[in-house]
Amino acid sequence: QVQLVESGGGLVQAGGSLRVSCVASGSDFGIADMAWYRQAPGKQRELVAIVTPGGTTNYADSVKGRFTISRDNAKNTVYLQMNSLKPEDTAVYYCSADVSRWRGTPLVYWGRGTQVTVSS
């Protein structure tokens, strides 16, 4: 029902900025909780930020004050603006669309991921 495509990853020096984007196709974008996750090699996947259909946002403590998540429902797109990047931010960043609340059963769609590398 939802297909997600991330873009905008790349290589940046510590202290720099990147904006990653996720374009969704399908019928459920408007009612989905949209989130960014990341996973570094050898580490567990972690939630970075989430934005609800109503615009409420939450952030992991590690990125609070540096990252901003937003969504444009007209464009079916969610963004993650990343400022003051640190080497520990290096990971594959995944976009997700969670419609579990509406479906009554766990249902999360995932993108393929985009690599973000922060050099010292």
N, C-alpha and C. Protein backbone atom coordinates (compact mmCIF):
# COMPACT_ATOMS: atom_id res chain seq x y z
N GLN A 1 0.82 -1.22 0.00
CA GLN A 1 0.00 0.00 0.00
C GLN A 1 0.84 1.26 0.00
N VAL A 2 2.06 1.19 0.55
CA VAL A 2 2.95 2.33 0.61
C VAL A 2 4.33 1.90 0.13
N GLN A 3 4.88 2.66 -0.78
CA GLN A 3 6.26 2.48 -1.22
C GLN A 3 7.04 3.73 -0.87
N LEU A 4 8.25 3.55 -0.35
CA LEU A 4 9.05 4.65 0.16
C LEU A 4 10.40 4.66 -0.53
N VAL A 5 10.85 5.84 -0.93
CA VAL A 5 12.13 6.01 -1.58
C VAL A 5 12.87 7.16 -0.91
N GLU A 6 14.02 6.85 -0.30
CA GLU A 6 14.83 7.86 0.35
C GLU A 6 15.86 8.43 -0.62
N SER A 7 16.28 9.65 -0.34
CA SER A 7 17.34 10.27 -1.11
C SER A 7 18.01 11.34 -0.24
N GLY A 8 19.15 11.81 -0.69
CA GLY A 8 19.81 12.91 -0.02
C GLY A 8 20.99 12.55 0.85
N GLY A 9 21.25 11.27 1.03
CA GLY A 9 22.39 10.87 1.82
C GLY A 9 23.69 11.20 1.11
N GLY A 10 24.77 11.09 1.85
CA GLY A 10 26.08 11.38 1.28
C GLY A 10 27.13 11.50 2.34
N LEU A 11 28.24 12.07 1.94
CA LEU A 11 29.40 12.26 2.81
C LEU A 11 29.47 13.72 3.23
N VAL A 12 29.65 13.95 4.52
CA VAL A 12 29.76 15.31 5.04
C VAL A 12 30.75 15.32 6.19
N GLN A 13 31.43 16.42 6.37
CA GLN A 13 32.34 16.55 7.49
C GLN A 13 31.60 16.87 8.78
N ALA A 14 32.20 16.51 9.89
CA ALA A 14 31.62 16.82 11.18
C ALA A 14 31.31 18.31 11.28
N GLY A 15 30.14 18.60 11.81
CA GLY A 15 29.68 19.97 11.91
C GLY A 15 28.85 20.43 10.75
N GLY A 16 28.81 19.65 9.68
CA GLY A 16 28.06 20.01 8.50
C GLY A 16 26.61 19.59 8.59
N SER A 17 25.90 19.77 7.48
CA SER A 17 24.47 19.51 7.42
C SER A 17 24.10 18.70 6.20
N LEU A 18 23.04 17.95 6.33
CA LEU A 18 22.42 17.22 5.23
C LEU A 18 20.92 17.21 5.44
N ARG A 19 20.18 17.11 4.36
CA ARG A 19 18.76 16.87 4.42
C ARG A 19 18.43 15.65 3.60
N VAL A 20 17.86 14.66 4.26
CA VAL A 20 17.40 13.48 3.56
C VAL A 20 15.89 13.57 3.37
N SER A 21 15.43 13.00 2.27
CA SER A 21 14.03 13.06 1.91
C SER A 21 13.49 11.67 1.69
N CYS A 22 12.20 11.52 1.89
CA CYS A 22 11.52 10.26 1.66
C CYS A 22 10.21 10.55 0.96
N VAL A 23 10.08 10.04 -0.25
CA VAL A 23 8.87 10.22 -1.03
C VAL A 23 8.05 8.94 -0.98
N ALA A 24 6.80 9.08 -0.63
CA ALA A 24 5.91 7.95 -0.48
C ALA A 24 4.91 7.89 -1.61
N SER A 25 4.63 6.70 -2.05
CA SER A 25 3.54 6.47 -2.99
C SER A 25 2.61 5.42 -2.39
N GLY A 26 1.34 5.58 -2.63
CA GLY A 26 0.37 4.69 -2.06
C GLY A 26 -0.77 5.47 -1.44
N SER A 27 -1.61 4.77 -0.73
CA SER A 27 -2.86 5.36 -0.25
C SER A 27 -2.84 5.79 1.21
N ASP A 28 -1.83 5.42 1.97
CA ASP A 28 -1.87 5.58 3.42
C ASP A 28 -0.95 6.64 3.98
N PHE A 29 -0.33 7.45 3.15
CA PHE A 29 0.62 8.42 3.67
C PHE A 29 -0.03 9.37 4.66
N GLY A 30 -1.20 9.84 4.36
CA GLY A 30 -1.86 10.85 5.18
C GLY A 30 -2.21 10.40 6.57
N ILE A 31 -2.33 9.11 6.80
CA ILE A 31 -2.68 8.60 8.12
C ILE A 31 -1.53 7.86 8.78
N ALA A 32 -0.37 7.92 8.19
CA ALA A 32 0.78 7.19 8.70
C ALA A 32 1.62 8.04 9.64
N ASP A 33 2.11 7.40 10.69
CA ASP A 33 3.19 7.97 11.47
C ASP A 33 4.47 7.78 10.68
N MET A 34 5.10 8.87 10.30
CA MET A 34 6.31 8.80 9.51
C MET A 34 7.52 8.96 10.42
N ALA A 35 8.51 8.13 10.20
CA ALA A 35 9.67 8.12 11.08
C ALA A 35 10.95 7.89 10.29
N TRP A 36 12.04 8.34 10.88
CA TRP A 36 13.37 8.02 10.41
C TRP A 36 14.05 7.14 11.45
N TYR A 37 14.61 6.05 10.99
CA TYR A 37 15.46 5.17 11.77
C TYR A 37 16.86 5.18 11.18
N ARG A 38 17.81 4.70 11.95
CA ARG A 38 19.15 4.54 11.42
C ARG A 38 19.79 3.30 12.02
N GLN A 39 20.73 2.75 11.27
CA GLN A 39 21.44 1.57 11.71
C GLN A 39 22.88 1.64 11.23
N ALA A 40 23.79 1.59 12.17
CA ALA A 40 25.21 1.54 11.87
C ALA A 40 25.67 0.09 11.86
N PRO A 41 26.73 -0.22 11.13
CA PRO A 41 27.22 -1.60 11.10
C PRO A 41 27.51 -2.14 12.50
N GLY A 42 26.99 -3.32 12.78
CA GLY A 42 27.21 -3.95 14.06
C GLY A 42 26.37 -3.40 15.20
N LYS A 43 25.47 -2.48 14.89
CA LYS A 43 24.64 -1.88 15.92
C LYS A 43 23.17 -2.13 15.63
N GLN A 44 22.36 -1.99 16.66
CA GLN A 44 20.93 -2.16 16.51
C GLN A 44 20.32 -0.94 15.82
N ARG A 45 19.22 -1.20 15.13
CA ARG A 45 18.46 -0.11 14.55
C ARG A 45 17.87 0.75 15.65
N GLU A 46 17.90 2.05 15.47
CA GLU A 46 17.35 2.95 16.47
C GLU A 46 16.45 3.99 15.83
N LEU A 47 15.44 4.37 16.56
CA LEU A 47 14.54 5.42 16.12
C LEU A 47 15.23 6.77 16.28
N VAL A 48 15.16 7.57 15.23
CA VAL A 48 15.77 8.90 15.24
C VAL A 48 14.73 9.97 15.49
N ALA A 49 13.64 9.94 14.73
CA ALA A 49 12.62 10.97 14.84
C ALA A 49 11.33 10.44 14.26
N ILE A 50 10.22 11.01 14.72
CA ILE A 50 8.91 10.61 14.24
C ILE A 50 8.02 11.84 14.15
N VAL A 51 7.15 11.85 13.17
CA VAL A 51 6.16 12.90 13.03
C VAL A 51 4.81 12.26 12.74
N THR A 52 3.80 12.67 13.49
CA THR A 52 2.46 12.12 13.33
C THR A 52 1.73 12.84 12.20
N PRO A 53 0.58 12.30 11.77
CA PRO A 53 -0.21 13.01 10.76
C PRO A 53 -0.56 14.43 11.17
N GLY A 54 -0.73 14.67 12.46
CA GLY A 54 -1.05 16.01 12.94
C GLY A 54 0.13 16.93 13.13
N GLY A 55 1.33 16.42 12.92
CA GLY A 55 2.51 17.26 13.01
C GLY A 55 3.28 17.19 14.31
N THR A 56 2.85 16.35 15.24
CA THR A 56 3.59 16.20 16.48
C THR A 56 4.89 15.46 16.22
N THR A 57 5.97 15.95 16.80
CA THR A 57 7.29 15.36 16.58
C THR A 57 7.91 14.87 17.87
N ASN A 58 8.75 13.86 17.75
CA ASN A 58 9.55 13.36 18.85
C ASN A 58 10.91 12.97 18.31
N TYR A 59 11.92 13.09 19.17
CA TYR A 59 13.29 12.85 18.75
C TYR A 59 14.03 12.01 19.77
N ALA A 60 14.97 11.23 19.27
CA ALA A 60 15.90 10.57 20.16
C ALA A 60 16.76 11.60 20.87
N ASP A 61 17.13 11.30 22.10
CA ASP A 61 17.95 12.24 22.86
C ASP A 61 19.25 12.58 22.14
N SER A 62 19.79 11.63 21.41
CA SER A 62 21.07 11.83 20.76
C SER A 62 21.02 12.87 19.63
N VAL A 63 19.84 13.16 19.11
CA VAL A 63 19.73 14.10 18.00
C VAL A 63 18.91 15.33 18.35
N LYS A 64 18.33 15.35 19.51
CA LYS A 64 17.47 16.46 19.90
C LYS A 64 18.24 17.78 19.85
N GLY A 65 17.63 18.76 19.22
CA GLY A 65 18.27 20.05 19.06
C GLY A 65 19.12 20.18 17.82
N ARG A 66 19.41 19.08 17.17
CA ARG A 66 20.22 19.09 15.95
C ARG A 66 19.44 18.70 14.71
N PHE A 67 18.51 17.77 14.86
CA PHE A 67 17.74 17.26 13.73
C PHE A 67 16.31 17.78 13.80
N THR A 68 15.70 17.94 12.63
CA THR A 68 14.31 18.35 12.53
C THR A 68 13.60 17.48 11.50
N ILE A 69 12.51 16.87 11.92
CA ILE A 69 11.69 16.09 11.01
C ILE A 69 10.47 16.91 10.63
N SER A 70 10.06 16.80 9.38
CA SER A 70 8.88 17.51 8.90
C SER A 70 8.23 16.70 7.79
N ARG A 71 6.99 17.03 7.49
CA ARG A 71 6.29 16.33 6.42
C ARG A 71 5.50 17.32 5.59
N ASP A 72 5.36 16.99 4.33
CA ASP A 72 4.57 17.77 3.39
C ASP A 72 3.55 16.80 2.80
N ASN A 73 2.35 16.84 3.32
CA ASN A 73 1.34 15.87 2.90
C ASN A 73 0.95 16.06 1.43
N ALA A 74 1.01 17.28 0.95
CA ALA A 74 0.67 17.53 -0.45
C ALA A 74 1.66 16.86 -1.39
N LYS A 75 2.90 16.72 -0.95
CA LYS A 75 3.94 16.09 -1.75
C LYS A 75 4.22 14.65 -1.35
N ASN A 76 3.50 14.16 -0.36
CA ASN A 76 3.74 12.81 0.16
C ASN A 76 5.21 12.60 0.51
N THR A 77 5.76 13.57 1.20
CA THR A 77 7.19 13.57 1.48
C THR A 77 7.46 13.89 2.94
N VAL A 78 8.43 13.20 3.50
CA VAL A 78 8.92 13.50 4.84
C VAL A 78 10.40 13.82 4.73
N TYR A 79 10.85 14.76 5.54
CA TYR A 79 12.22 15.22 5.50
C TYR A 79 12.88 15.05 6.86
N LEU A 80 14.18 14.93 6.83
CA LEU A 80 14.97 14.99 8.05
C LEU A 80 16.13 15.93 7.80
N GLN A 81 16.06 17.10 8.41
CA GLN A 81 17.15 18.07 8.33
C GLN A 81 18.13 17.77 9.45
N MET A 82 19.37 17.52 9.09
CA MET A 82 20.39 17.13 10.04
C MET A 82 21.48 18.20 10.07
N ASN A 83 21.61 18.85 11.21
CA ASN A 83 22.62 19.88 11.40
C ASN A 83 23.62 19.44 12.46
N SER A 84 24.75 20.11 12.49
CA SER A 84 25.80 19.82 13.47
C SER A 84 26.11 18.34 13.54
N LEU A 85 26.31 17.75 12.39
CA LEU A 85 26.50 16.31 12.31
C LEU A 85 27.78 15.87 13.01
N LYS A 86 27.71 14.69 13.61
CA LYS A 86 28.83 14.09 14.32
C LYS A 86 29.18 12.75 13.68
N PRO A 87 30.42 12.29 13.84
CA PRO A 87 30.77 10.99 13.28
C PRO A 87 29.86 9.86 13.76
N GLU A 88 29.36 9.94 14.98
CA GLU A 88 28.48 8.90 15.48
C GLU A 88 27.10 8.90 14.82
N ASP A 89 26.81 9.91 13.99
CA ASP A 89 25.59 9.91 13.21
C ASP A 89 25.70 9.04 11.96
N THR A 90 26.89 8.57 11.65
CA THR A 90 27.09 7.74 10.47
C THR A 90 26.25 6.48 10.55
N ALA A 91 25.44 6.25 9.54
CA ALA A 91 24.54 5.10 9.53
C ALA A 91 23.78 5.08 8.21
N VAL A 92 23.09 3.98 7.99
CA VAL A 92 22.08 3.95 6.94
C VAL A 92 20.78 4.46 7.55
N TYR A 93 20.21 5.45 6.92
CA TYR A 93 18.97 6.05 7.41
C TYR A 93 17.79 5.51 6.63
N TYR A 94 16.82 5.00 7.36
CA TYR A 94 15.64 4.39 6.77
C TYR A 94 14.39 5.20 7.08
N CYS A 95 13.58 5.36 6.09
CA CYS A 95 12.27 5.97 6.25
C CYS A 95 11.24 4.89 6.52
N SER A 96 10.30 5.17 7.39
CA SER A 96 9.24 4.21 7.66
C SER A 96 7.89 4.91 7.71
N ALA A 97 6.87 4.16 7.35
CA ALA A 97 5.49 4.60 7.45
C ALA A 97 4.75 3.57 8.28
N ASP A 98 4.24 4.00 9.41
CA ASP A 98 3.60 3.11 10.36
C ASP A 98 2.10 3.37 10.37
N VAL A 99 1.34 2.40 9.95
CA VAL A 99 -0.11 2.52 9.95
C VAL A 99 -0.74 1.56 10.95
N SER A 100 0.04 1.07 11.90
CA SER A 100 -0.45 0.09 12.87
C SER A 100 -1.65 0.61 13.65
N ARG A 101 -1.62 1.87 14.01
CA ARG A 101 -2.71 2.45 14.79
C ARG A 101 -4.04 2.33 14.05
N TRP A 102 -4.01 2.48 12.75
CA TRP A 102 -5.23 2.46 11.97
C TRP A 102 -5.63 1.07 11.55
N ARG A 103 -4.67 0.19 11.36
CA ARG A 103 -4.97 -1.16 10.92
C ARG A 103 -5.28 -2.10 12.06
N GLY A 104 -4.89 -1.75 13.27
CA GLY A 104 -5.14 -2.60 14.42
C GLY A 104 -4.19 -3.76 14.55
N THR A 105 -3.17 -3.80 13.74
CA THR A 105 -2.16 -4.84 13.78
C THR A 105 -0.85 -4.22 13.32
N PRO A 106 0.29 -4.74 13.78
CA PRO A 106 1.56 -4.13 13.36
C PRO A 106 1.71 -4.13 11.84
N LEU A 107 1.91 -2.96 11.28
CA LEU A 107 2.12 -2.84 9.84
C LEU A 107 2.98 -1.61 9.60
N VAL A 108 4.21 -1.85 9.22
CA VAL A 108 5.17 -0.79 8.98
C VAL A 108 5.83 -1.02 7.63
N TYR A 109 5.87 0.02 6.82
CA TYR A 109 6.54 -0.02 5.53
C TYR A 109 7.91 0.62 5.66
N TRP A 110 8.86 0.10 4.90
CA TRP A 110 10.24 0.58 4.98
C TRP A 110 10.78 0.94 3.61
N GLY A 111 11.60 1.97 3.58
CA GLY A 111 12.35 2.26 2.39
C GLY A 111 13.62 1.45 2.33
N ARG A 112 14.39 1.65 1.28
CA ARG A 112 15.62 0.90 1.08
C ARG A 112 16.79 1.47 1.88
N GLY A 113 16.69 2.69 2.31
CA GLY A 113 17.73 3.32 3.09
C GLY A 113 18.64 4.20 2.25
N THR A 114 19.25 5.17 2.90
CA THR A 114 20.24 6.03 2.27
C THR A 114 21.41 6.20 3.24
N GLN A 115 22.61 6.09 2.71
CA GLN A 115 23.81 6.12 3.54
C GLN A 115 24.19 7.55 3.88
N VAL A 116 24.42 7.80 5.16
CA VAL A 116 24.94 9.07 5.64
C VAL A 116 26.27 8.79 6.32
N THR A 117 27.33 9.42 5.86
CA THR A 117 28.65 9.23 6.43
C THR A 117 29.20 10.58 6.87
N VAL A 118 29.59 10.65 8.13
CA VAL A 118 30.13 11.88 8.70
C VAL A 118 31.59 11.64 9.07
N SER A 119 32.48 12.38 8.48
CA SER A 119 33.90 12.22 8.72
C SER A 119 34.38 13.20 9.78
N SER A 120 35.44 12.81 10.48
CA SER A 120 36.01 13.64 11.53
C SER A 120 36.86 14.76 10.96
